[in-house]
Amino acid sequence: MPGAGTALRGPGPSLSCNAGHPAMSKRPALPAVVDALPSTVPFVGPEAQQRASGRVFRARIGANESSFGPSPRVIERMQRIAGDMWMYCDPDNHDLKLAAAAHHGVSPDNIVVGEGIDGLLGLLARMYVEAGTPVVTSLGAYPTFNFHVVGFGGRVVAVPYAHDREDIDGLLSVVRRENAPMVYLSNPDNPTGSWWEAADVERFAAALPATTMLVLDEAYGETAPAGTLPPIDVSRKNVLRLRTFSKAYGLAGLRCGYAVGDAELIRAFEKIRTHYGVNRMAQAAGLAALADQDYLAAAVGRIAAARARIAAIAQANGLSPLPSATNFVAIDCGRDGAFALKVMQALIARDVFVRKPMAPGLDRCIRVSAGPDAELDILAAEMPGALADARGN
């Protein structure tokens, strides 16, 4: 080996481009699973839409963020430690694990911290999915889960919604039929905002085969009515509960969440997780957010008021809001998916960012996130014109 500063002599290999060389026409082959995937992503972000239009959204009420923001204590903590970002994070997420464990009355061995629920879903897919593995979810449910499942070669088996909420009896039937090792249920649900009572969720979990992992996504748990979330029971070996700081806590930009489950299951995450994946700022912010439950209660109240305002705006324009336990409202536009798409596009053209479900049956709706009065004032002002455009008036 040459020493430091020693030049390699002779012609040697070159990394410069040589289009005439036979090897230049080849490239490393992708695995068959990845090569077969479509070049799509689950979401087109508002930033991409702004770049395309050359304009900035006046009302950003489409991504289910909390534009009410995080606790002032969280902001103060983040500002105070900004200069510490030259250090790597704690790869054990120690303090945040302890705080989350205390919050739920469980052992730290029952907690794994990850890069938001999206990151944890990717790890779960890696743990349970191989080529051809059947995985059960609802048709139109959170698309990032499907994205990870198919990314590992799994086969998504989707059950249609029933009466605008996930069909837990249908999910159970398909799990048994497919002998599926994993089933996804969000409660409260995205994209409809619906929810099941805790007793129904417990009945569903108890009826599942012991060999089927229930991925219970409770991203919107903090905004749900009392009686929606079952008590935490880490003795269930086939139930994993997912929580996030992205919604009611107002920290979507930091990508931090955690899962609660059986200690042996949680230990399996250690085999595959990115140990430096949750950055130092996110860990500190999550810790401060958990410590300020008074602010969380106030934010949940503001979200509920915004939901009521969105519902009133929909009704004032002859539309039907669906009941919601989340930080958004799905609005039935009264016709088919093509019409709802026109409504969404007309709002976007007016610089009001909203989204819509795309699955059959749900695609008649648009989805509007809770936001401050100033942004909902813009929605109220622009909705009549957007509907007129969609109707061709």
Protein backbone atom coordinates (compact mmCIF):
# COMPACT_ATOMS: atom_id res chain seq x y z
CA MET A 1 0.00 0.00 0.00
CA PRO A 2 1.37 3.44 -0.83
CA GLY A 3 1.81 5.77 2.09
CA ALA A 4 0.01 9.04 2.56
CA GLY A 5 0.74 11.39 -0.31
CA THR A 6 2.26 8.62 -2.49
CA ALA A 7 1.05 8.72 -6.09
CA LEU A 8 0.02 5.56 -7.90
CA ARG A 9 2.27 5.03 -10.94
CA GLY A 10 1.46 3.67 -14.34
CA PRO A 11 -1.73 3.86 -16.33
CA GLY A 12 -3.88 1.95 -13.79
CA PRO A 13 -7.68 1.89 -13.84
CA SER A 14 -9.64 5.06 -14.44
CA LEU A 15 -13.08 6.13 -13.18
CA SER A 16 -13.49 8.59 -16.02
CA CYS A 17 -16.40 8.02 -18.41
CA ASN A 18 -15.59 6.06 -21.56
CA ALA A 19 -18.80 5.59 -23.49
CA GLY A 20 -17.08 3.43 -26.08
CA HIS A 21 -15.99 0.79 -23.59
CA PRO A 22 -18.24 -2.32 -23.56
CA ALA A 23 -18.57 -2.19 -19.76
CA MET A 24 -20.07 1.28 -19.98
CA SER A 25 -23.30 -0.14 -21.44
CA LYS A 26 -23.93 -2.23 -18.32
CA ARG A 27 -24.84 -1.36 -14.75
CA PRO A 28 -25.19 -3.27 -11.48
CA ALA A 29 -28.46 -5.19 -11.53
CA LEU A 30 -31.17 -4.32 -9.03
CA PRO A 31 -32.78 -7.17 -7.07
CA ALA A 32 -35.84 -8.46 -8.89
CA VAL A 33 -38.19 -7.15 -6.18
CA VAL A 34 -36.88 -3.59 -6.48
CA ASP A 35 -36.57 -3.68 -10.26
CA ALA A 36 -40.26 -4.59 -10.60
CA LEU A 37 -41.49 -1.72 -8.42
CA PRO A 38 -43.11 1.29 -10.07
CA SER A 39 -41.24 4.57 -9.77
CA THR A 40 -43.85 6.17 -7.52
CA VAL A 41 -43.95 7.63 -4.02
CA PRO A 42 -46.90 7.58 -1.61
CA PHE A 43 -47.33 11.35 -1.54
CA VAL A 44 -46.61 14.43 -3.60
CA GLY A 45 -45.58 17.03 -1.04
CA PRO A 46 -46.85 20.60 -0.97
CA GLU A 47 -43.31 21.76 -1.63
CA ALA A 48 -43.25 19.92 -4.97
CA GLN A 49 -46.62 21.45 -5.88
CA GLN A 50 -45.35 24.92 -5.01
CA ARG A 51 -42.26 24.41 -7.16
CA ALA A 52 -44.46 23.34 -10.06
CA SER A 53 -46.83 26.31 -9.74
CA GLY A 54 -44.25 28.92 -8.78
CA ARG A 55 -46.56 30.07 -5.95
CA VAL A 56 -46.73 29.49 -2.22
CA PHE A 57 -49.85 28.02 -0.64
CA ARG A 58 -51.81 30.56 1.36
CA ALA A 59 -53.42 27.79 3.42
CA ARG A 60 -51.40 24.63 4.08
CA ILE A 61 -54.21 22.37 5.30
CA GLY A 62 -53.63 19.10 3.50
CA ALA A 63 -50.87 17.09 5.18
CA ASN A 64 -52.42 16.54 8.63
CA GLU A 65 -49.64 18.52 10.27
CA SER A 66 -50.46 20.63 13.31
CA SER A 67 -49.96 24.18 12.19
CA PHE A 68 -50.71 25.19 15.79
CA GLY A 69 -47.11 24.16 16.37
CA PRO A 70 -45.32 22.56 19.31
CA SER A 71 -45.30 23.64 22.94
CA PRO A 72 -43.37 26.85 23.66
CA ARG A 73 -41.34 24.75 26.10
CA VAL A 74 -40.37 22.47 23.24
CA ILE A 75 -39.34 25.42 21.09
CA GLU A 76 -37.28 26.89 23.94
CA ARG A 77 -35.55 23.54 24.48
CA MET A 78 -34.75 23.20 20.79
CA GLN A 79 -33.35 26.72 20.61
CA ARG A 80 -31.24 26.14 23.71
CA ILE A 81 -29.55 23.01 22.35
CA ALA A 82 -29.15 24.11 18.71
CA GLY A 83 -25.44 24.60 19.27
CA ASP A 84 -25.08 20.98 20.38
CA MET A 85 -25.95 19.58 16.98
CA TRP A 86 -22.28 18.92 16.22
CA MET A 87 -22.67 15.84 18.45
CA TYR A 88 -24.21 12.59 17.31
CA CYS A 89 -27.45 11.61 19.01
CA ASP A 90 -27.70 9.00 21.74
CA PRO A 91 -28.05 5.78 19.69
CA ASP A 92 -30.04 4.18 22.54
CA ASN A 93 -32.65 6.98 22.64
CA HIS A 94 -32.33 6.41 26.38
CA ASP A 95 -34.04 9.44 27.89
CA LEU A 96 -36.91 9.47 25.43
CA LYS A 97 -37.49 5.74 25.92
CA LEU A 98 -37.67 6.25 29.68
CA ALA A 99 -40.08 9.15 29.31
CA ALA A 100 -42.37 7.28 26.90
CA ALA A 101 -42.31 4.23 29.16
CA ALA A 102 -43.27 6.33 32.20
CA HIS A 103 -46.00 8.05 30.16
CA HIS A 104 -47.62 4.68 29.39
CA GLY A 105 -46.78 2.90 32.63
CA VAL A 106 -44.58 0.24 31.02
CA SER A 107 -40.92 -0.77 31.12
CA PRO A 108 -38.38 0.89 28.82
CA ASP A 109 -37.92 -2.63 27.42
CA ASN A 110 -41.39 -2.23 25.92
CA ILE A 111 -40.49 0.90 23.92
CA VAL A 112 -38.64 1.38 20.65
CA VAL A 113 -38.06 4.87 19.26
CA GLY A 114 -37.93 5.39 15.50
CA GLU A 115 -37.93 7.93 12.68
CA GLY A 116 -41.66 8.57 12.94
CA ILE A 117 -44.29 5.92 12.36
CA ASP A 118 -43.15 5.70 8.73
CA GLY A 119 -39.70 4.55 9.83
CA LEU A 120 -41.15 2.02 12.26
CA LEU A 121 -43.45 0.63 9.55
CA GLY A 122 -40.43 0.09 7.32
CA LEU A 123 -38.70 -1.86 10.08
CA LEU A 124 -41.81 -3.97 10.68
CA ALA A 125 -42.02 -4.83 7.00
CA ARG A 126 -38.38 -5.89 7.07
CA MET A 127 -39.06 -8.05 10.12
CA TYR A 128 -42.13 -9.88 8.84
CA VAL A 129 -42.27 -9.65 5.06
CA GLU A 130 -40.54 -11.83 2.49
CA ALA A 131 -41.24 -12.31 -1.21
CA GLY A 132 -44.89 -13.29 -1.59
CA THR A 133 -45.85 -12.76 2.07
CA PRO A 134 -49.54 -11.80 2.34
CA VAL A 135 -50.14 -8.68 4.45
CA VAL A 136 -53.66 -7.46 5.19
CA THR A 137 -54.77 -3.84 5.33
CA SER A 138 -57.73 -1.70 4.29
CA LEU A 139 -58.26 -0.47 0.74
CA GLY A 140 -57.40 3.21 0.94
CA ALA A 141 -55.65 3.13 4.33
CA TYR A 142 -52.29 4.79 4.98
CA PRO A 143 -50.32 4.18 1.75
CA THR A 144 -46.84 4.27 3.29
CA PHE A 145 -47.53 0.93 4.96
CA ASN A 146 -48.22 -0.62 1.54
CA PHE A 147 -45.13 1.11 0.14
CA HIS A 148 -42.91 -0.69 2.64
CA VAL A 149 -44.66 -4.04 2.27
CA VAL A 150 -44.27 -4.19 -1.50
CA GLY A 151 -40.72 -2.85 -1.15
CA PHE A 152 -39.81 -6.10 0.57
CA GLY A 153 -41.71 -8.23 -1.95
CA GLY A 154 -44.87 -8.68 0.08
CA ARG A 155 -48.38 -9.06 -1.31
CA VAL A 156 -50.87 -6.47 -0.07
CA VAL A 157 -54.36 -7.93 0.44
CA ALA A 158 -56.78 -5.01 0.86
CA VAL A 159 -60.24 -5.07 2.42
CA PRO A 160 -62.70 -2.33 1.35
CA TYR A 161 -64.01 0.12 3.93
CA ALA A 162 -67.53 -0.43 5.22
CA HIS A 163 -69.64 2.65 6.00
CA ASP A 164 -66.56 4.89 5.73
CA ARG A 165 -64.48 3.08 8.33
CA GLU A 166 -62.14 0.13 8.36
CA ASP A 167 -64.01 -3.18 8.34
CA ILE A 168 -62.47 -5.07 11.27
CA ASP A 169 -64.60 -8.17 10.69
CA GLY A 170 -63.55 -8.17 7.04
CA LEU A 171 -59.90 -7.76 8.03
CA LEU A 172 -60.17 -10.69 10.43
CA SER A 173 -61.76 -12.91 7.79
CA VAL A 174 -59.03 -12.16 5.24
CA VAL A 175 -56.25 -12.67 7.81
CA ARG A 176 -57.58 -16.16 8.48
CA ARG A 177 -58.06 -16.93 4.79
CA GLU A 178 -54.55 -15.81 3.85
CA ASN A 179 -52.82 -17.03 7.02
CA ALA A 180 -51.27 -13.57 7.05
CA PRO A 181 -48.42 -12.81 9.47
CA MET A 182 -49.35 -9.11 9.72
CA VAL A 183 -52.44 -6.90 9.63
CA TYR A 184 -52.60 -3.10 9.76
CA LEU A 185 -55.33 -1.13 11.51
CA SER A 186 -55.30 2.61 12.15
CA ASN A 187 -57.52 3.83 14.98
CA PRO A 188 -58.51 6.64 14.59
CA ASP A 189 -58.32 6.21 10.86
CA ASN A 190 -56.68 8.08 8.03
CA PRO A 191 -58.17 9.10 5.55
CA THR A 192 -61.76 9.11 6.84
CA GLY A 193 -61.20 10.23 10.45
CA SER A 194 -63.40 7.38 11.72
CA TRP A 195 -62.72 5.35 14.84
CA TRP A 196 -63.63 2.15 16.64
CA GLU A 197 -64.37 1.93 20.35
CA ALA A 198 -61.68 0.32 22.50
CA ALA A 199 -63.85 -2.73 23.17
CA ASP A 200 -64.16 -3.41 19.42
CA VAL A 201 -60.39 -3.10 18.93
CA GLU A 202 -59.77 -5.47 21.83
CA ARG A 203 -62.26 -7.96 20.40
CA PHE A 204 -60.47 -7.78 17.04
CA ALA A 205 -57.04 -8.29 18.62
CA ALA A 206 -58.24 -11.23 20.72
CA ALA A 207 -59.74 -12.95 17.67
CA LEU A 208 -56.57 -12.76 15.58
CA PRO A 209 -54.37 -15.85 15.29
CA ALA A 210 -51.45 -15.75 17.72
CA THR A 211 -49.15 -15.88 14.67
CA THR A 212 -50.53 -12.63 13.20
CA MET A 213 -48.98 -9.33 14.26
CA LEU A 214 -51.50 -6.52 14.71
CA VAL A 215 -49.92 -3.22 13.70
CA LEU A 216 -52.15 -0.76 15.55
CA ASP A 217 -51.41 2.73 14.24
CA GLU A 218 -52.54 5.28 16.83
CA ALA A 219 -51.00 8.35 15.24
CA TYR A 220 -54.19 10.29 15.98
CA GLY A 221 -54.75 8.74 19.41
CA GLU A 222 -54.34 12.03 21.28
CA THR A 223 -57.25 13.61 19.36
CA ALA A 224 -59.61 10.65 19.82
CA PRO A 225 -62.65 10.65 22.11
CA ALA A 226 -62.38 8.96 25.49
CA GLY A 227 -62.89 5.22 25.17
CA THR A 228 -61.21 4.92 21.77
CA LEU A 229 -57.79 3.63 22.81
CA PRO A 230 -57.59 0.29 24.63
CA PRO A 231 -55.42 0.21 27.76
CA ILE A 232 -51.78 -0.60 26.99
CA ASP A 233 -51.24 -4.34 27.51
CA VAL A 234 -47.68 -5.41 26.73
CA SER A 235 -48.48 -9.02 27.63
CA ARG A 236 -50.05 -9.38 24.18
CA LYS A 237 -47.22 -10.77 22.08
CA ASN A 238 -48.88 -10.04 18.74
CA VAL A 239 -49.92 -6.39 19.17
CA LEU A 240 -47.68 -3.40 18.48
CA ARG A 241 -48.99 0.11 19.23
CA LEU A 242 -47.55 3.01 17.22
CA ARG A 243 -47.46 6.63 18.43
CA THR A 244 -45.99 9.81 16.94
CA PHE A 245 -45.00 13.38 17.77
CA SER A 246 -46.05 14.48 14.26
CA LYS A 247 -49.74 15.18 14.89
CA ALA A 248 -51.12 16.65 18.12
CA TYR A 249 -47.63 17.40 19.47
CA GLY A 250 -46.88 19.53 16.39
CA LEU A 251 -43.46 18.09 15.49
CA ALA A 252 -44.00 16.56 12.04
CA GLY A 253 -40.79 18.07 10.69
CA LEU A 254 -38.58 16.19 13.16
CA ARG A 255 -39.73 12.65 12.26
CA CYS A 256 -39.94 11.02 15.67
CA GLY A 257 -42.26 8.32 16.95
CA TYR A 258 -42.24 5.21 19.05
CA ALA A 259 -43.82 1.79 19.39
CA VAL A 260 -45.08 -0.01 22.49
CA GLY A 261 -45.14 -3.79 22.66
CA ASP A 262 -43.92 -7.07 24.07
CA ALA A 263 -40.29 -6.84 25.21
CA GLU A 264 -39.15 -9.72 22.99
CA LEU A 265 -40.71 -8.07 19.95
CA ILE A 266 -39.11 -4.75 20.86
CA ARG A 267 -35.70 -6.45 21.12
CA ALA A 268 -36.07 -7.63 17.53
CA PHE A 269 -35.97 -4.00 16.38
CA GLU A 270 -32.44 -3.74 17.75
CA LYS A 271 -31.27 -6.19 15.08
CA ILE A 272 -32.24 -3.94 12.19
CA ARG A 273 -32.98 -0.37 13.26
CA THR A 274 -30.76 2.57 12.34
CA HIS A 275 -29.23 3.28 15.72
CA TYR A 276 -28.36 6.89 14.91
CA GLY A 277 -31.59 7.46 12.98
CA VAL A 278 -33.45 9.65 15.49
CA ASN A 279 -31.44 12.84 15.64
CA ARG A 280 -30.42 14.70 18.78
CA MET A 281 -32.93 17.52 18.26
CA ALA A 282 -35.82 15.09 17.76
CA GLN A 283 -34.99 13.18 20.93
CA ALA A 284 -34.85 16.36 23.01
CA ALA A 285 -38.03 17.76 21.46
CA GLY A 286 -39.95 14.54 22.06
CA LEU A 287 -38.82 14.50 25.67
CA ALA A 288 -39.95 18.10 26.21
CA ALA A 289 -43.25 17.46 24.42
CA LEU A 290 -44.14 14.52 26.66
CA ALA A 291 -43.38 16.67 29.69
CA ASP A 292 -45.88 19.38 28.68
CA GLN A 293 -49.23 17.60 28.77
CA ASP A 294 -51.02 20.87 29.56
CA TYR A 295 -50.01 22.24 26.17
CA LEU A 296 -51.07 18.98 24.50
CA ALA A 297 -54.54 19.31 26.05
CA ALA A 298 -54.80 22.89 24.80
CA ALA A 299 -53.68 21.88 21.30
CA VAL A 300 -56.24 19.07 21.20
CA GLY A 301 -58.91 21.64 22.09
CA ARG A 302 -57.80 23.91 19.26
CA ILE A 303 -57.85 20.96 16.86
CA ALA A 304 -61.40 20.08 17.90
CA ALA A 305 -62.51 23.68 17.34
CA ALA A 306 -60.89 23.68 13.89
CA ARG A 307 -62.63 20.41 13.00
CA ALA A 308 -65.96 22.00 13.89
CA ARG A 309 -65.12 25.04 11.76
CA ILE A 310 -64.18 22.87 8.76
CA ALA A 311 -67.42 20.92 9.14
CA ALA A 312 -69.39 24.17 9.22
CA ILE A 313 -67.64 25.45 6.08
CA ALA A 314 -68.47 22.19 4.30
CA GLN A 315 -72.13 22.34 5.33
CA ALA A 316 -72.43 25.99 4.34
CA ASN A 317 -71.44 24.91 0.83
CA GLY A 318 -73.87 21.99 0.65
CA LEU A 319 -71.24 19.33 1.38
CA SER A 320 -71.23 16.62 4.06
CA PRO A 321 -68.38 16.37 6.58
CA LEU A 322 -67.68 12.90 7.95
CA PRO A 323 -67.43 12.52 11.75
CA SER A 324 -63.75 12.78 12.71
CA ALA A 325 -61.59 11.82 15.69
CA THR A 326 -58.40 13.10 14.05
CA ASN A 327 -56.84 16.47 13.19
CA PHE A 328 -58.60 16.59 9.81
CA VAL A 329 -62.07 16.29 8.32
CA ALA A 330 -62.98 14.21 5.29
CA ILE A 331 -65.64 16.05 3.29
CA ASP A 332 -68.06 14.14 1.08
CA CYS A 333 -68.35 16.21 -2.10
CA GLY A 334 -71.62 14.51 -3.00
CA ARG A 335 -70.67 13.03 -6.34
CA ASP A 336 -67.96 10.70 -7.62
CA GLY A 337 -64.18 10.63 -7.39
CA ALA A 338 -63.74 12.62 -10.59
CA PHE A 339 -65.79 15.49 -9.19
CA ALA A 340 -63.93 15.45 -5.83
CA LEU A 341 -60.65 15.55 -7.75
CA LYS A 342 -61.86 18.68 -9.57
CA VAL A 343 -62.76 20.28 -6.24
CA MET A 344 -59.30 19.51 -4.83
CA GLN A 345 -57.59 20.82 -7.96
CA ALA A 346 -59.69 23.99 -7.91
CA LEU A 347 -58.70 24.66 -4.30
CA ILE A 348 -55.04 24.04 -5.09
CA ALA A 349 -55.32 26.47 -8.01
CA ARG A 350 -56.48 29.00 -5.42
CA ASP A 351 -53.37 28.22 -3.34
CA VAL A 352 -55.28 26.18 -0.77
CA PHE A 353 -53.45 22.90 -0.19
CA VAL A 354 -55.79 19.98 0.55
CA ARG A 355 -55.68 16.27 -0.32
CA LYS A 356 -58.15 13.51 -1.11
CA PRO A 357 -58.43 9.73 -0.80
CA MET A 358 -58.06 7.84 -4.07
CA ALA A 359 -59.58 4.43 -3.21
CA PRO A 360 -62.99 3.60 -4.72
CA GLY A 361 -65.78 4.62 -2.38
CA LEU A 362 -63.60 7.02 -0.42
CA ASP A 363 -62.55 9.03 -3.48
CA ARG A 364 -65.76 11.07 -3.38
CA CYS A 365 -64.18 13.02 -0.51
CA ILE A 366 -61.54 15.67 -0.05
CA ARG A 367 -59.57 15.87 3.20
CA VAL A 368 -58.89 19.13 5.05
CA SER A 369 -56.48 19.39 7.98
CA ALA A 370 -57.19 21.40 11.11
CA GLY A 371 -55.52 24.80 11.09
CA PRO A 372 -55.64 28.31 12.54
CA ASP A 373 -58.61 30.56 11.87
CA ALA A 374 -56.64 32.65 9.35
CA GLU A 375 -56.13 29.62 7.10
CA LEU A 376 -59.70 28.41 7.55
CA ASP A 377 -60.91 31.90 6.63
CA ILE A 378 -59.13 31.41 3.28
CA LEU A 379 -60.79 28.00 2.86
CA ALA A 380 -64.20 29.53 3.57
CA ALA A 381 -63.59 32.32 1.06
CA GLU A 382 -62.33 30.05 -1.71
CA MET A 383 -64.63 27.02 -1.36
CA PRO A 384 -67.64 28.49 -3.23
CA GLY A 385 -65.52 29.41 -6.26
CA ALA A 386 -63.72 26.05 -6.23
CA LEU A 387 -67.05 24.24 -6.25
CA ALA A 388 -68.34 26.44 -9.06
CA ASP A 389 -65.25 25.62 -11.12
CA ALA A 390 -65.61 21.91 -10.39
CA ARG A 391 -69.25 22.03 -11.52
CA GLY A 392 -68.31 23.94 -14.66
CA ASN A 393 -70.38 26.98 -13.67
